[in-house]
Amino acid sequence: MFGGVRSDHGEREVKKARRKRSSTTFLVGKVFPPTDPLAIHLLRLMAAGNDLRNLDEWIRAHLKVPKEPLANLVGAGRWFMQLRLSAAVLHEALSVLSEMDQQGHLAALEKEMSPKGLQALAVLRRIVDGTDKDVKRLLERVRHKGTFHYDNGQFRKSLRLLLAKADGTEESHIVWESPGFLGGDTYYQVAEPLRTEATLGIGNDAQTGTNKMMQITTVIATFRGFLQEAFIAYVKLKGLQSEFKRDGG
């Protein structure tokens, strides 16, 4: 069945390690006054950054491929869901970035941004303005065709493609499970290759699917790096360096 593309992330045995954490305290009203449009835009980007961070942690928690066949089948569907959600969050974050650019807020940040941040911003701008058409179209397709929308026409098209390629011999599975936190006890595997085709458009080409997934994950990493640099630039631009107090780890 097409859509069975998995990232090599899923093939690795990963030993979980305790993550080291520390924190910094600040007064919200001082750093992010509600009257400052740039502050609000940055908070919107931070919300997207948190979503991507949480998705990253969810992905890393499932890097080990299950040995039990049905668990492996369900795991493949979960991996594609994680990827689709990540791409959709990035699509929305780039919409915020576009607003900031149009309103001149990015130009203000650029004056205080490091070379690393400027390089990341240049990559993101090429997607936002359509210069990088391939990634822009990929993110739009993932966002619109099978993440927050279940496109009727596209699912019909994907089903026809699946059946035509398999010449009537295509099989799938319904997996019965114990009810979870949100209820339900059924996994409908047949929907996954249709949605993978709807969003990635890979057909039976596993390498194309892998390349598209790498495009998405690379841009997400670029965005997360940019966000860190943008926050530092914001602090410098507003002269807020003294507002932060280092806490214990």
Protein backbone atom coordinates (compact mmCIF):
# COMPACT_ATOMS: atom_id res chain seq x y z
CA MET A 1 0.00 0.00 0.00
CA PHE A 2 1.46 3.36 -0.94
CA GLY A 3 2.17 5.82 1.81
CA GLY A 4 4.36 3.40 3.72
CA VAL A 5 7.25 5.84 3.84
CA ARG A 6 8.99 6.12 7.20
CA SER A 7 11.76 8.45 8.17
CA ASP A 8 15.03 6.86 9.22
CA HIS A 9 14.28 8.44 12.61
CA GLY A 10 11.88 5.54 13.14
CA GLU A 11 14.60 2.96 12.57
CA ARG A 12 16.88 4.05 15.38
CA GLU A 13 17.13 2.64 18.85
CA VAL A 14 17.12 5.65 21.14
CA LYS A 15 18.15 5.61 24.77
CA LYS A 16 16.10 8.12 26.71
CA ALA A 17 18.15 10.59 28.70
CA ARG A 18 17.03 13.08 31.30
CA ARG A 19 16.89 16.50 29.68
CA LYS A 20 18.74 19.26 31.48
CA ARG A 21 16.63 22.34 32.10
CA SER A 22 17.08 25.81 33.55
CA SER A 23 14.86 28.86 33.46
CA THR A 24 14.76 32.65 33.40
CA THR A 25 12.14 34.76 35.18
CA PHE A 26 10.70 38.04 33.92
CA LEU A 27 7.66 40.27 34.41
CA VAL A 28 5.31 39.67 31.48
CA GLY A 29 3.92 43.20 31.38
CA LYS A 30 7.41 44.68 31.19
CA VAL A 31 8.62 42.47 28.36
CA PHE A 32 5.39 42.03 26.40
CA PRO A 33 3.20 45.13 26.82
CA PRO A 34 -0.22 44.61 25.18
CA THR A 35 0.10 47.93 23.36
CA ASP A 36 3.20 46.79 21.43
CA PRO A 37 2.25 45.10 18.11
CA LEU A 38 5.69 43.50 17.79
CA ALA A 39 5.28 41.93 21.24
CA ILE A 40 1.97 40.33 20.19
CA HIS A 41 3.43 39.00 16.94
CA LEU A 42 6.37 37.50 18.80
CA LEU A 43 4.04 35.82 21.29
CA ARG A 44 2.15 34.28 18.37
CA LEU A 45 5.39 32.89 16.98
CA MET A 46 6.29 31.60 20.44
CA ALA A 47 2.98 29.73 20.61
CA ALA A 48 3.84 28.04 17.31
CA GLY A 49 7.33 27.34 18.60
CA ASN A 50 5.90 25.64 21.68
CA ASP A 51 3.62 23.50 19.53
CA LEU A 52 6.56 22.42 17.39
CA ARG A 53 8.62 21.71 20.50
CA ASN A 54 5.85 19.50 21.91
CA LEU A 55 5.46 17.68 18.60
CA ASP A 56 9.22 17.14 18.50
CA GLU A 57 9.09 15.56 21.96
CA TRP A 58 6.15 13.38 20.89
CA ILE A 59 8.07 12.20 17.82
CA ARG A 60 11.22 11.42 19.83
CA ALA A 61 9.15 9.41 22.31
CA HIS A 62 8.22 7.03 19.49
CA LEU A 63 11.48 6.69 17.57
CA LYS A 64 11.82 3.03 18.41
CA VAL A 65 9.97 0.88 15.85
CA PRO A 66 7.57 -1.55 17.60
CA LYS A 67 8.29 -5.23 17.05
CA GLU A 68 4.65 -6.28 17.21
CA PRO A 69 3.26 -6.06 13.63
CA LEU A 70 -0.02 -4.32 14.42
CA ALA A 71 1.70 -1.82 16.72
CA ASN A 72 4.16 -1.08 13.90
CA LEU A 73 1.27 -0.52 11.51
CA VAL A 74 -0.42 1.92 13.89
CA GLY A 75 2.94 3.58 14.58
CA ALA A 76 3.43 4.38 10.91
CA GLY A 77 0.12 6.24 10.92
CA ARG A 78 1.13 8.13 14.04
CA TRP A 79 4.42 9.22 12.42
CA PHE A 80 2.60 10.71 9.44
CA MET A 81 0.14 12.47 11.75
CA GLN A 82 3.04 13.98 13.69
CA LEU A 83 4.62 15.16 10.46
CA ARG A 84 1.37 16.62 9.11
CA LEU A 85 0.66 18.50 12.32
CA SER A 86 4.20 19.87 12.39
CA ALA A 87 3.92 21.07 8.79
CA ALA A 88 0.52 22.65 9.45
CA VAL A 89 1.81 24.52 12.51
CA LEU A 90 4.74 25.78 10.45
CA HIS A 91 2.36 26.93 7.70
CA GLU A 92 0.42 29.03 10.22
CA ALA A 93 3.61 30.39 11.80
CA LEU A 94 4.83 31.55 8.39
CA SER A 95 1.52 33.38 7.96
CA VAL A 96 2.35 35.35 11.11
CA LEU A 97 5.82 36.01 9.73
CA SER A 98 4.24 37.33 6.54
CA GLU A 99 2.09 39.76 8.55
CA MET A 100 5.14 40.97 10.44
CA ASP A 101 7.01 41.54 7.20
CA GLN A 102 4.16 43.50 5.65
CA GLN A 103 3.86 45.70 8.72
CA GLY A 104 7.59 46.42 8.92
CA HIS A 105 8.19 44.57 12.20
CA LEU A 106 10.70 42.15 10.73
CA ALA A 107 12.73 45.05 9.36
CA ALA A 108 12.97 46.41 12.90
CA LEU A 109 14.12 43.07 14.30
CA GLU A 110 16.67 42.58 11.52
CA LYS A 111 18.68 45.54 12.82
CA GLU A 112 19.47 43.60 16.00
CA MET A 113 19.52 40.07 14.60
CA SER A 114 22.65 37.92 14.49
CA PRO A 115 24.06 36.56 11.19
CA LYS A 116 22.62 33.17 12.14
CA GLY A 117 19.17 34.67 12.62
CA LEU A 118 19.37 36.63 9.37
CA GLN A 119 20.32 33.48 7.48
CA ALA A 120 17.34 31.60 8.91
CA LEU A 121 15.02 34.51 8.14
CA ALA A 122 16.22 34.57 4.53
CA VAL A 123 15.28 30.90 4.15
CA LEU A 124 11.83 31.47 5.65
CA ARG A 125 11.23 34.58 3.55
CA ARG A 126 11.87 32.61 0.36
CA ILE A 127 9.03 30.31 1.35
CA VAL A 128 6.67 33.09 2.43
CA ASP A 129 7.10 35.13 -0.75
CA GLY A 130 6.92 32.08 -3.01
CA THR A 131 10.52 32.16 -4.24
CA ASP A 132 10.88 28.64 -2.85
CA LYS A 133 7.76 27.37 -4.61
CA ASP A 134 8.30 23.69 -3.84
CA VAL A 135 8.29 24.05 -0.06
CA LYS A 136 5.52 26.66 -0.09
CA ARG A 137 3.25 24.36 -2.14
CA LEU A 138 4.17 21.35 -0.02
CA LEU A 139 3.21 23.11 3.22
CA GLU A 140 -0.01 24.40 1.68
CA ARG A 141 -0.93 20.93 0.43
CA VAL A 142 -0.27 19.28 3.78
CA ARG A 143 -2.19 22.03 5.60
CA HIS A 144 -5.22 22.10 3.32
CA LYS A 145 -5.59 18.56 1.99
CA GLY A 146 -5.39 16.30 5.00
CA THR A 147 -4.50 17.93 8.31
CA PHE A 148 -7.22 20.37 9.33
CA HIS A 149 -9.40 19.54 6.33
CA TYR A 150 -10.40 16.14 4.93
CA ASP A 151 -10.73 17.12 1.30
CA ASN A 152 -13.53 15.19 -0.42
CA GLY A 153 -12.24 15.43 -3.97
CA GLN A 154 -8.66 14.66 -3.01
CA PHE A 155 -9.61 11.54 -1.03
CA ARG A 156 -11.61 10.28 -4.02
CA LYS A 157 -8.65 10.92 -6.29
CA SER A 158 -6.25 9.16 -3.90
CA LEU A 159 -8.55 6.16 -3.57
CA ARG A 160 -8.81 5.79 -7.33
CA LEU A 161 -5.03 5.99 -7.62
CA LEU A 162 -4.57 3.37 -4.93
CA LEU A 163 -6.97 0.95 -6.58
CA ALA A 164 -5.56 1.51 -10.06
CA LYS A 165 -1.97 0.86 -8.95
CA ALA A 166 -2.91 -2.27 -7.03
CA ASP A 167 -5.05 -3.61 -9.89
CA GLY A 168 -7.81 -4.73 -7.51
CA THR A 169 -5.52 -6.62 -5.12
CA GLU A 170 -5.10 -3.93 -2.46
CA GLU A 171 -5.63 -5.12 1.12
CA SER A 172 -5.83 -3.15 4.33
CA HIS A 173 -6.53 -3.63 8.04
CA ILE A 174 -8.88 -2.57 10.77
CA VAL A 175 -7.10 -2.79 14.11
CA TRP A 176 -9.18 -3.34 17.23
CA GLU A 177 -7.76 -1.79 20.39
CA SER A 178 -8.77 -1.10 23.96
CA PRO A 179 -10.46 2.30 24.44
CA GLY A 180 -8.06 5.13 25.20
CA PHE A 181 -8.26 8.45 27.01
CA LEU A 182 -10.52 9.89 24.30
CA GLY A 183 -12.55 6.72 23.90
CA GLY A 184 -12.74 4.64 20.74
CA ASP A 185 -11.22 1.25 20.05
CA THR A 186 -10.60 1.15 16.30
CA TYR A 187 -7.75 2.12 13.95
CA TYR A 188 -8.74 2.34 10.28
CA GLN A 189 -5.49 1.78 8.45
CA VAL A 190 -7.07 2.20 5.01
CA ALA A 191 -7.38 5.97 5.55
CA GLU A 192 -3.65 6.52 6.09
CA PRO A 193 -2.25 5.89 2.58
CA LEU A 194 -5.06 7.96 1.11
CA ARG A 195 -4.19 10.90 3.33
CA THR A 196 -0.47 10.45 2.74
CA GLU A 197 -1.09 10.65 -0.99
CA ALA A 198 -3.44 13.60 -0.49
CA THR A 199 -0.84 15.56 1.47
CA LEU A 200 2.53 14.44 0.11
CA GLY A 201 1.43 13.22 -3.33
CA ILE A 202 4.06 10.49 -3.41
CA GLY A 203 2.26 7.57 -5.07
CA ASN A 204 4.56 4.55 -4.79
CA ASP A 205 7.75 6.60 -4.83
CA ALA A 206 9.24 6.07 -1.37
CA GLN A 207 12.29 8.23 -2.07
CA THR A 208 10.13 11.18 -3.09
CA GLY A 209 8.18 10.82 0.13
CA THR A 210 11.35 10.72 2.19
CA ASN A 211 12.71 13.82 0.44
CA LYS A 212 9.50 15.75 1.10
CA MET A 213 9.53 14.79 4.76
CA MET A 214 13.13 15.96 5.04
CA GLN A 215 12.15 19.27 3.43
CA ILE A 216 9.50 19.77 6.09
CA THR A 217 11.68 18.83 9.05
CA THR A 218 14.56 20.99 7.80
CA VAL A 219 12.38 24.10 7.51
CA ILE A 220 10.88 23.45 10.95
CA ALA A 221 14.37 23.35 12.44
CA THR A 222 15.16 26.60 10.61
CA PHE A 223 12.05 28.26 12.04
CA ARG A 224 12.83 27.16 15.58
CA GLY A 225 16.36 28.51 15.27
CA PHE A 226 15.05 31.78 13.84
CA LEU A 227 12.58 32.17 16.72
CA GLN A 228 15.34 31.96 19.31
CA GLU A 229 17.36 34.58 17.46
CA ALA A 230 14.28 36.78 16.96
CA PHE A 231 13.58 36.82 20.69
CA ILE A 232 17.17 37.85 21.45
CA ALA A 233 16.89 40.58 18.83
CA TYR A 234 13.60 41.75 20.36
CA VAL A 235 15.19 42.02 23.80
CA LYS A 236 18.05 44.09 22.38
CA LEU A 237 15.73 46.27 20.29
CA LYS A 238 13.57 47.11 23.30
CA GLY A 239 16.46 47.41 25.76
CA LEU A 240 15.06 44.71 28.03
CA GLN A 241 18.29 42.95 29.01
CA SER A 242 17.95 43.94 32.68
CA GLU A 243 14.43 42.50 32.97
CA PHE A 244 15.53 38.86 33.13
CA LYS A 245 16.64 36.95 36.21
CA ARG A 246 18.38 33.58 35.95
CA ASP A 247 16.78 30.83 38.04
CA GLY A 248 18.18 27.55 39.27
CA GLY A 249 18.28 24.46 37.05
